[in-house]
Amino acid sequence: MKGAIYIWPSLLAGNFGRLEESARAAQAAGADALHLDIMDGHFVPNLSMGPDVVRMARSCLDIPINVHLMLSRPDRFVEVFAEAGATTLTIHVESASNVLAMLERIRALGVHCGVALNPETPAAAAQPFIGKVDEILCMTVHPGFGGQKFLPEVLPKIAALRQAAQPRSGKGRAGQDRLGIAVDGGIDLDTVAQVAAAGANIMVAGSFLFQAPDMQKTIAAMRAAAEKAWQADNS
């Protein structure tokens, strides 16, 4: 991984007729990981992809695969997606009745774990899991569909999570020098600087990357903008 900032293209914005090609393009463009949104039509009003897509991505990529379980019953599927090749499984605090037990199950499978928060869910909902997760994912749009407009009202929550989690110089999991605060939704060259200044260091972007004329240059530009904002706020 590179520097302080991590860029995760979201395959939800890829070409569904050529998903393997889209996944390979993301890795070739310099992505730090590939982000996959798994939707069941119940927890969010959309359907997306299943374990076969994770299996495909694992077979053709060297980078980590981060699987975001946007499911009403994630407990039914953690083993399936772990076996398919997920590097990280992220569950929503709003969907799991016993989040801690779910995180322990994920850990027991040898997979990294994270929790996700919808825009209206306060930072306090994630605090019981700080120290038990590798990433906290803040949704910066209402989940379910790609290409939505960024919600700036989430910025104070990002800052609160960074402050509650640990200082920017703290230590996280192996290969990452701090707990990951991820953002997902409406991330582009303007908003990436805002979320980095607030304390996010993992940027999930879909349409902005997969629709870019040159994904490699766009990832590099996003990384540079985020690192500049991160360093300025940490100086």
C-alpha atoms as a PDB file:
ATOM      1  CA  MET A   1       0.000   0.000   0.000  1.00  0.00           C
ATOM      2  CA  LYS A   2       1.047   3.557  -0.662  1.00  0.00           C
ATOM      3  CA  GLY A   3       1.385   6.419   1.812  1.00  0.00           C
ATOM      4  CA  ALA A   4      -1.412   7.482   4.114  1.00  0.00           C
ATOM      5  CA  ILE A   5      -4.284   7.310   1.639  1.00  0.00           C
ATOM      6  CA  TYR A   6      -5.912   4.237   0.087  1.00  0.00           C
ATOM      7  CA  ILE A   7      -8.090   4.279  -3.035  1.00  0.00           C
ATOM      8  CA  TRP A   8     -10.676   1.511  -3.457  1.00  0.00           C
ATOM      9  CA  PRO A   9     -12.610   1.524  -6.751  1.00  0.00           C
ATOM     10  CA  SER A  10     -16.144   0.189  -6.332  1.00  0.00           C
ATOM     11  CA  LEU A  11     -16.992  -2.528  -8.844  1.00  0.00           C
ATOM     12  CA  LEU A  12     -20.671  -1.558  -8.622  1.00  0.00           C
ATOM     13  CA  ALA A  13     -19.782   1.132 -11.180  1.00  0.00           C
ATOM     14  CA  GLY A  14     -17.941  -1.304 -13.450  1.00  0.00           C
ATOM     15  CA  ASN A  15     -19.186  -2.778 -16.704  1.00  0.00           C
ATOM     16  CA  PHE A  16     -21.487  -5.626 -15.631  1.00  0.00           C
ATOM     17  CA  GLY A  17     -21.035  -7.251 -19.009  1.00  0.00           C
ATOM     18  CA  ARG A  18     -17.265  -7.296 -18.480  1.00  0.00           C
ATOM     19  CA  LEU A  19     -16.727  -7.365 -14.728  1.00  0.00           C
ATOM     20  CA  GLU A  20     -13.425  -9.207 -14.877  1.00  0.00           C
ATOM     21  CA  GLU A  21     -12.112  -6.615 -17.312  1.00  0.00           C
ATOM     22  CA  SER A  22     -13.280  -3.828 -14.983  1.00  0.00           C
ATOM     23  CA  ALA A  23     -11.638  -5.485 -11.979  1.00  0.00           C
ATOM     24  CA  ARG A  24      -8.348  -5.932 -13.815  1.00  0.00           C
ATOM     25  CA  ALA A  25      -8.479  -2.321 -15.017  1.00  0.00           C
ATOM     26  CA  ALA A  26      -8.822  -1.075 -11.440  1.00  0.00           C
ATOM     27  CA  GLN A  27      -5.763  -3.013 -10.314  1.00  0.00           C
ATOM     28  CA  ALA A  28      -3.744  -1.894 -13.332  1.00  0.00           C
ATOM     29  CA  ALA A  29      -4.681   1.730 -12.618  1.00  0.00           C
ATOM     30  CA  GLY A  30      -3.109   1.599  -9.159  1.00  0.00           C
ATOM     31  CA  ALA A  31      -6.031   0.732  -6.888  1.00  0.00           C
ATOM     32  CA  ASP A  32      -5.041  -0.323  -3.381  1.00  0.00           C
ATOM     33  CA  ALA A  33      -8.016  -2.704  -3.152  1.00  0.00           C
ATOM     34  CA  LEU A  34     -11.265  -3.509  -4.938  1.00  0.00           C
ATOM     35  CA  HIS A  35     -14.545  -2.702  -3.182  1.00  0.00           C
ATOM     36  CA  LEU A  36     -17.607  -4.888  -3.794  1.00  0.00           C
ATOM     37  CA  ASP A  37     -21.098  -3.884  -2.653  1.00  0.00           C
ATOM     38  CA  ILE A  38     -23.329  -6.883  -1.931  1.00  0.00           C
ATOM     39  CA  MET A  39     -27.020  -5.864  -1.898  1.00  0.00           C
ATOM     40  CA  ASP A  40     -30.043  -8.045  -1.175  1.00  0.00           C
ATOM     41  CA  GLY A  41     -32.974  -5.815  -2.136  1.00  0.00           C
ATOM     42  CA  HIS A  42     -34.112  -5.724   1.510  1.00  0.00           C
ATOM     43  CA  PHE A  43     -31.559  -3.803   3.559  1.00  0.00           C
ATOM     44  CA  VAL A  44     -31.150  -1.500   0.557  1.00  0.00           C
ATOM     45  CA  PRO A  45     -33.556  -1.136  -2.402  1.00  0.00           C
ATOM     46  CA  ASN A  46     -31.304  -2.743  -4.982  1.00  0.00           C
ATOM     47  CA  LEU A  47     -29.705  -6.045  -5.997  1.00  0.00           C
ATOM     48  CA  SER A  48     -26.075  -6.254  -7.056  1.00  0.00           C
ATOM     49  CA  MET A  49     -23.744  -9.251  -7.007  1.00  0.00           C
ATOM     50  CA  GLY A  50     -22.972 -12.442  -5.134  1.00  0.00           C
ATOM     51  CA  PRO A  51     -20.080 -14.672  -4.088  1.00  0.00           C
ATOM     52  CA  ASP A  52     -19.290 -15.718  -7.658  1.00  0.00           C
ATOM     53  CA  VAL A  53     -18.173 -12.159  -8.407  1.00  0.00           C
ATOM     54  CA  VAL A  54     -15.928 -12.187  -5.341  1.00  0.00           C
ATOM     55  CA  ARG A  55     -14.528 -15.526  -6.482  1.00  0.00           C
ATOM     56  CA  MET A  56     -13.859 -14.113  -9.949  1.00  0.00           C
ATOM     57  CA  ALA A  57     -12.106 -11.056  -8.530  1.00  0.00           C
ATOM     58  CA  ARG A  58      -9.962 -13.169  -6.216  1.00  0.00           C
ATOM     59  CA  SER A  59      -8.900 -15.386  -9.112  1.00  0.00           C
ATOM     60  CA  CYS A  60      -7.658 -12.512 -11.256  1.00  0.00           C
ATOM     61  CA  LEU A  61      -6.372  -9.906  -8.776  1.00  0.00           C
ATOM     62  CA  ASP A  62      -3.433  -9.581  -6.405  1.00  0.00           C
ATOM     63  CA  ILE A  63      -4.853  -6.629  -4.450  1.00  0.00           C
ATOM     64  CA  PRO A  64      -7.187  -7.045  -1.436  1.00  0.00           C
ATOM     65  CA  ILE A  65     -10.922  -7.492  -1.974  1.00  0.00           C
ATOM     66  CA  ASN A  66     -13.133  -5.606   0.428  1.00  0.00           C
ATOM     67  CA  VAL A  67     -16.705  -6.893   0.587  1.00  0.00           C
ATOM     68  CA  HIS A  68     -19.405  -4.575   1.919  1.00  0.00           C
ATOM     69  CA  LEU A  69     -22.384  -6.650   3.067  1.00  0.00           C
ATOM     70  CA  MET A  70     -25.454  -4.465   2.602  1.00  0.00           C
ATOM     71  CA  LEU A  71     -27.730  -7.277   3.731  1.00  0.00           C
ATOM     72  CA  SER A  72     -30.619  -7.607   6.157  1.00  0.00           C
ATOM     73  CA  ARG A  73     -29.149 -10.925   7.401  1.00  0.00           C
ATOM     74  CA  PRO A  74     -25.364 -10.742   7.002  1.00  0.00           C
ATOM     75  CA  ASP A  75     -25.018 -13.599   9.497  1.00  0.00           C
ATOM     76  CA  ARG A  76     -26.223 -15.992   6.789  1.00  0.00           C
ATOM     77  CA  PHE A  77     -23.456 -15.096   4.379  1.00  0.00           C
ATOM     78  CA  VAL A  78     -20.162 -14.320   6.133  1.00  0.00           C
ATOM     79  CA  GLU A  79     -18.781 -17.825   5.633  1.00  0.00           C
ATOM     80  CA  VAL A  80     -19.834 -17.863   1.975  1.00  0.00           C
ATOM     81  CA  PHE A  81     -18.067 -14.612   1.153  1.00  0.00           C
ATOM     82  CA  ALA A  82     -15.015 -15.467   3.234  1.00  0.00           C
ATOM     83  CA  GLU A  83     -14.638 -18.740   1.345  1.00  0.00           C
ATOM     84  CA  ALA A  84     -15.096 -16.878  -1.954  1.00  0.00           C
ATOM     85  CA  GLY A  85     -11.965 -14.860  -1.223  1.00  0.00           C
ATOM     86  CA  ALA A  86     -12.887 -11.677   0.627  1.00  0.00           C
ATOM     87  CA  THR A  87      -9.979  -9.964   2.352  1.00  0.00           C
ATOM     88  CA  THR A  88     -12.276  -7.817   4.493  1.00  0.00           C
ATOM     89  CA  LEU A  89     -15.957  -8.216   5.358  1.00  0.00           C
ATOM     90  CA  THR A  90     -17.802  -5.088   6.444  1.00  0.00           C
ATOM     91  CA  ILE A  91     -21.207  -5.336   8.114  1.00  0.00           C
ATOM     92  CA  HIS A  92     -23.694  -2.587   8.926  1.00  0.00           C
ATOM     93  CA  VAL A  93     -24.353  -1.803  12.558  1.00  0.00           C
ATOM     94  CA  GLU A  94     -27.971  -1.213  11.512  1.00  0.00           C
ATOM     95  CA  SER A  95     -28.437  -4.739  10.146  1.00  0.00           C
ATOM     96  CA  ALA A  96     -26.799  -7.048  12.673  1.00  0.00           C
ATOM     97  CA  SER A  97     -28.509  -7.818  15.983  1.00  0.00           C
ATOM     98  CA  ASN A  98     -25.220  -8.803  17.625  1.00  0.00           C
ATOM     99  CA  VAL A  99     -22.443  -6.963  15.844  1.00  0.00           C
ATOM    100  CA  LEU A 100     -19.684  -8.084  18.201  1.00  0.00           C
ATOM    101  CA  ALA A 101     -20.521 -11.766  17.716  1.00  0.00           C
ATOM    102  CA  MET A 102     -20.533 -11.246  13.955  1.00  0.00           C
ATOM    103  CA  LEU A 103     -17.114  -9.590  14.068  1.00  0.00           C
ATOM    104  CA  GLU A 104     -15.746 -12.491  16.109  1.00  0.00           C
ATOM    105  CA  ARG A 105     -17.117 -14.954  13.538  1.00  0.00           C
ATOM    106  CA  ILE A 106     -15.433 -13.032  10.748  1.00  0.00           C
ATOM    107  CA  ARG A 107     -12.117 -12.942  12.617  1.00  0.00           C
ATOM    108  CA  ALA A 108     -12.333 -16.691  13.220  1.00  0.00           C
ATOM    109  CA  LEU A 109     -12.507 -17.171   9.452  1.00  0.00           C
ATOM    110  CA  GLY A 110      -9.155 -15.435   9.070  1.00  0.00           C
ATOM    111  CA  VAL A 111     -10.694 -12.381   7.425  1.00  0.00           C
ATOM    112  CA  HIS A 112     -10.335  -8.700   8.338  1.00  0.00           C
ATOM    113  CA  CYS A 113     -13.520  -7.029   9.543  1.00  0.00           C
ATOM    114  CA  GLY A 114     -15.191  -3.649   9.519  1.00  0.00           C
ATOM    115  CA  VAL A 115     -18.416  -1.916  10.449  1.00  0.00           C
ATOM    116  CA  ALA A 116     -20.409   0.476   8.285  1.00  0.00           C
ATOM    117  CA  LEU A 117     -22.646   3.374   9.273  1.00  0.00           C
ATOM    118  CA  ASN A 118     -25.486   4.835   7.230  1.00  0.00           C
ATOM    119  CA  PRO A 119     -25.497   8.648   6.914  1.00  0.00           C
ATOM    120  CA  GLU A 120     -28.053   9.150   9.690  1.00  0.00           C
ATOM    121  CA  THR A 121     -26.332   6.761  12.137  1.00  0.00           C
ATOM    122  CA  PRO A 122     -24.214   8.637  14.715  1.00  0.00           C
ATOM    123  CA  ALA A 123     -20.530   8.047  15.303  1.00  0.00           C
ATOM    124  CA  ALA A 124     -21.337   6.734  18.785  1.00  0.00           C
ATOM    125  CA  ALA A 125     -22.817   3.593  17.208  1.00  0.00           C
ATOM    126  CA  ALA A 126     -19.332   2.520  16.089  1.00  0.00           C
ATOM    127  CA  GLN A 127     -17.444   3.358  19.268  1.00  0.00           C
ATOM    128  CA  PRO A 128     -18.049  -0.034  20.971  1.00  0.00           C
ATOM    129  CA  PHE A 129     -16.197  -1.685  18.087  1.00  0.00           C
ATOM    130  CA  ILE A 130     -13.130   0.550  17.960  1.00  0.00           C
ATOM    131  CA  GLY A 131     -10.157  -1.694  18.640  1.00  0.00           C
ATOM    132  CA  LYS A 132     -12.079  -4.705  17.341  1.00  0.00           C
ATOM    133  CA  VAL A 133     -12.282  -3.743  13.649  1.00  0.00           C
ATOM    134  CA  ASP A 134      -9.832  -2.897  10.894  1.00  0.00           C
ATOM    135  CA  GLU A 135     -12.016  -0.313   9.194  1.00  0.00           C
ATOM    136  CA  ILE A 136     -15.022   1.864   9.930  1.00  0.00           C
ATOM    137  CA  LEU A 137     -16.958   2.750   6.785  1.00  0.00           C
ATOM    138  CA  CYS A 138     -18.997   5.958   6.695  1.00  0.00           C
ATOM    139  CA  MET A 139     -21.632   6.059   3.997  1.00  0.00           C
ATOM    140  CA  THR A 140     -21.550   9.550   2.494  1.00  0.00           C
ATOM    141  CA  VAL A 141     -24.667   8.856   0.414  1.00  0.00           C
ATOM    142  CA  HIS A 142     -27.807   6.890   1.214  1.00  0.00           C
ATOM    143  CA  PRO A 143     -26.859   3.305   0.324  1.00  0.00           C
ATOM    144  CA  GLY A 144     -28.304   1.315  -2.527  1.00  0.00           C
ATOM    145  CA  PHE A 145     -27.340   3.050  -5.743  1.00  0.00           C
ATOM    146  CA  GLY A 146     -24.165   4.468  -7.258  1.00  0.00           C
ATOM    147  CA  GLY A 147     -23.676   7.942  -8.694  1.00  0.00           C
ATOM    148  CA  GLN A 148     -25.358   9.836  -5.834  1.00  0.00           C
ATOM    149  CA  LYS A 149     -24.435  13.290  -4.539  1.00  0.00           C
ATOM    150  CA  PHE A 150     -22.074  13.540  -1.560  1.00  0.00           C
ATOM    151  CA  LEU A 151     -23.695  14.413   1.796  1.00  0.00           C
ATOM    152  CA  PRO A 152     -21.498  17.042   3.525  1.00  0.00           C
ATOM    153  CA  GLU A 153     -23.373  16.633   6.803  1.00  0.00           C
ATOM    154  CA  VAL A 154     -21.419  13.391   7.332  1.00  0.00           C
ATOM    155  CA  LEU A 155     -18.100  15.273   7.672  1.00  0.00           C
ATOM    156  CA  PRO A 156     -18.419  15.938  11.441  1.00  0.00           C
ATOM    157  CA  LYS A 157     -19.078  12.224  11.983  1.00  0.00           C
ATOM    158  CA  ILE A 158     -15.871  11.336  10.138  1.00  0.00           C
ATOM    159  CA  ALA A 159     -13.940  13.749  12.346  1.00  0.00           C
ATOM    160  CA  ALA A 160     -15.552  12.329  15.487  1.00  0.00           C
ATOM    161  CA  LEU A 161     -14.673   8.779  14.474  1.00  0.00           C
ATOM    162  CA  ARG A 162     -11.059   9.671  13.735  1.00  0.00           C
ATOM    163  CA  GLN A 163     -10.735  11.395  17.095  1.00  0.00           C
ATOM    164  CA  ALA A 164     -12.415   8.531  18.952  1.00  0.00           C
ATOM    165  CA  ALA A 165     -10.486   5.820  17.140  1.00  0.00           C
ATOM    166  CA  GLN A 166      -6.907   6.899  17.550  1.00  0.00           C
ATOM    167  CA  PRO A 167      -4.534   9.639  16.471  1.00  0.00           C
ATOM    168  CA  ARG A 168      -3.371   9.723  12.880  1.00  0.00           C
ATOM    169  CA  SER A 169      -0.007   8.376  13.986  1.00  0.00           C
ATOM    170  CA  GLY A 170      -1.592   5.360  15.696  1.00  0.00           C
ATOM    171  CA  LYS A 171      -1.165   1.747  14.650  1.00  0.00           C
ATOM    172  CA  GLY A 172      -3.751  -0.384  12.887  1.00  0.00           C
ATOM    173  CA  ARG A 173      -3.591  -3.804  11.286  1.00  0.00           C
ATOM    174  CA  ALA A 174      -0.532  -5.179   9.522  1.00  0.00           C
ATOM    175  CA  GLY A 175       0.169  -3.300   6.312  1.00  0.00           C
ATOM    176  CA  GLN A 176      -1.800  -0.273   7.484  1.00  0.00           C
ATOM    177  CA  ASP A 177      -0.369   2.279   9.893  1.00  0.00           C
ATOM    178  CA  ARG A 178      -3.689   3.369  11.407  1.00  0.00           C
ATOM    179  CA  LEU A 179      -7.279   2.263  11.845  1.00  0.00           C
ATOM    180  CA  GLY A 180      -9.007   2.766   8.510  1.00  0.00           C
ATOM    181  CA  ILE A 181     -11.748   5.354   8.329  1.00  0.00           C
ATOM    182  CA  ALA A 182     -13.382   4.738   4.957  1.00  0.00           C
ATOM    183  CA  VAL A 183     -15.887   6.841   3.046  1.00  0.00           C
ATOM    184  CA  ASP A 184     -18.223   5.617   0.319  1.00  0.00           C
ATOM    185  CA  GLY A 185     -20.447   7.740  -1.887  1.00  0.00           C
ATOM    186  CA  GLY A 186     -20.018  10.805  -4.066  1.00  0.00           C
ATOM    187  CA  ILE A 187     -16.232  10.816  -3.766  1.00  0.00           C
ATOM    188  CA  ASP A 188     -14.468  12.891  -6.437  1.00  0.00           C
ATOM    189  CA  LEU A 189     -11.569  15.347  -6.636  1.00  0.00           C
ATOM    190  CA  ASP A 190     -13.452  17.966  -4.619  1.00  0.00           C
ATOM    191  CA  THR A 191     -14.967  15.794  -1.911  1.00  0.00           C
ATOM    192  CA  VAL A 192     -11.891  13.604  -1.453  1.00  0.00           C
ATOM    193  CA  ALA A 193     -10.022  16.557   0.035  1.00  0.00           C
ATOM    194  CA  GLN A 194     -12.912  17.329   2.389  1.00  0.00           C
ATOM    195  CA  VAL A 195     -13.136  13.814   3.778  1.00  0.00           C
ATOM    196  CA  ALA A 196      -9.355  13.496   4.111  1.00  0.00           C
ATOM    197  CA  ALA A 197      -9.202  16.745   6.062  1.00  0.00           C
ATOM    198  CA  ALA A 198     -11.921  15.361   8.341  1.00  0.00           C
ATOM    199  CA  GLY A 199      -9.887  12.209   9.005  1.00  0.00           C
ATOM    200  CA  ALA A 200     -10.787   9.610   6.382  1.00  0.00           C
ATOM    201  CA  ASN A 201      -7.900   7.690   4.834  1.00  0.00           C
ATOM    202  CA  ILE A 202      -9.750   5.119   2.680  1.00  0.00           C
ATOM    203  CA  MET A 203     -11.616   6.478  -0.343  1.00  0.00           C
ATOM    204  CA  VAL A 204     -14.214   4.294  -2.052  1.00  0.00           C
ATOM    205  CA  ALA A 205     -15.158   5.702  -5.451  1.00  0.00           C
ATOM    206  CA  GLY A 206     -17.245   4.181  -8.201  1.00  0.00           C
ATOM    207  CA  SER A 207     -18.593   6.231 -11.074  1.00  0.00           C
ATOM    208  CA  PHE A 208     -15.892   8.884 -10.792  1.00  0.00           C
ATOM    209  CA  LEU A 209     -13.197   6.278 -11.401  1.00  0.00           C
ATOM    210  CA  PHE A 210     -14.819   3.812 -13.780  1.00  0.00           C
ATOM    211  CA  GLN A 211     -16.192   6.589 -15.998  1.00  0.00           C
ATOM    212  CA  ALA A 212     -12.911   8.500 -16.055  1.00  0.00           C
ATOM    213  CA  PRO A 213     -11.104   8.772 -19.409  1.00  0.00           C
ATOM    214  CA  ASP A 214      -7.915   7.611 -17.670  1.00  0.00           C
ATOM    215  CA  MET A 215      -8.462   5.754 -14.391  1.00  0.00           C
ATOM    216  CA  GLN A 216      -4.768   5.650 -13.551  1.00  0.00           C
ATOM    217  CA  LYS A 217      -4.405   9.436 -13.769  1.00  0.00           C
ATOM    218  CA  THR A 218      -7.642   9.919 -11.863  1.00  0.00           C
ATOM    219  CA  ILE A 219      -6.543   7.635  -9.021  1.00  0.00           C
ATOM    220  CA  ALA A 220      -3.213   9.467  -8.854  1.00  0.00           C
ATOM    221  CA  ALA A 221      -4.990  12.832  -8.751  1.00  0.00           C
ATOM    222  CA  MET A 222      -7.373  11.647  -6.027  1.00  0.00           C
ATOM    223  CA  ARG A 223      -4.493  10.302  -3.983  1.00  0.00           C
ATOM    224  CA  ALA A 224      -2.525  13.541  -4.320  1.00  0.00           C
ATOM    225  CA  ALA A 225      -5.511  15.713  -3.362  1.00  0.00           C
ATOM    226  CA  ALA A 226      -6.336  13.544  -0.356  1.00  0.00           C
ATOM    227  CA  GLU A 227      -2.744  13.324   0.871  1.00  0.00           C
ATOM    228  CA  LYS A 228      -2.354  17.098   0.600  1.00  0.00           C
ATOM    229  CA  ALA A 229      -5.489  17.673   2.683  1.00  0.00           C
ATOM    230  CA  TRP A 230      -4.515  14.935   5.154  1.00  0.00           C
ATOM    231  CA  GLN A 231      -1.022  16.350   5.691  1.00  0.00           C
ATOM    232  CA  ALA A 232      -2.269  19.933   5.953  1.00  0.00           C
ATOM    233  CA  ASP A 233      -4.728  18.957   8.671  1.00  0.00           C
ATOM    234  CA  ASN A 234      -2.107  16.886  10.470  1.00  0.00           C
ATOM    235  CA  SER A 235       0.656  19.516  10.384  1.00  0.00           C
END
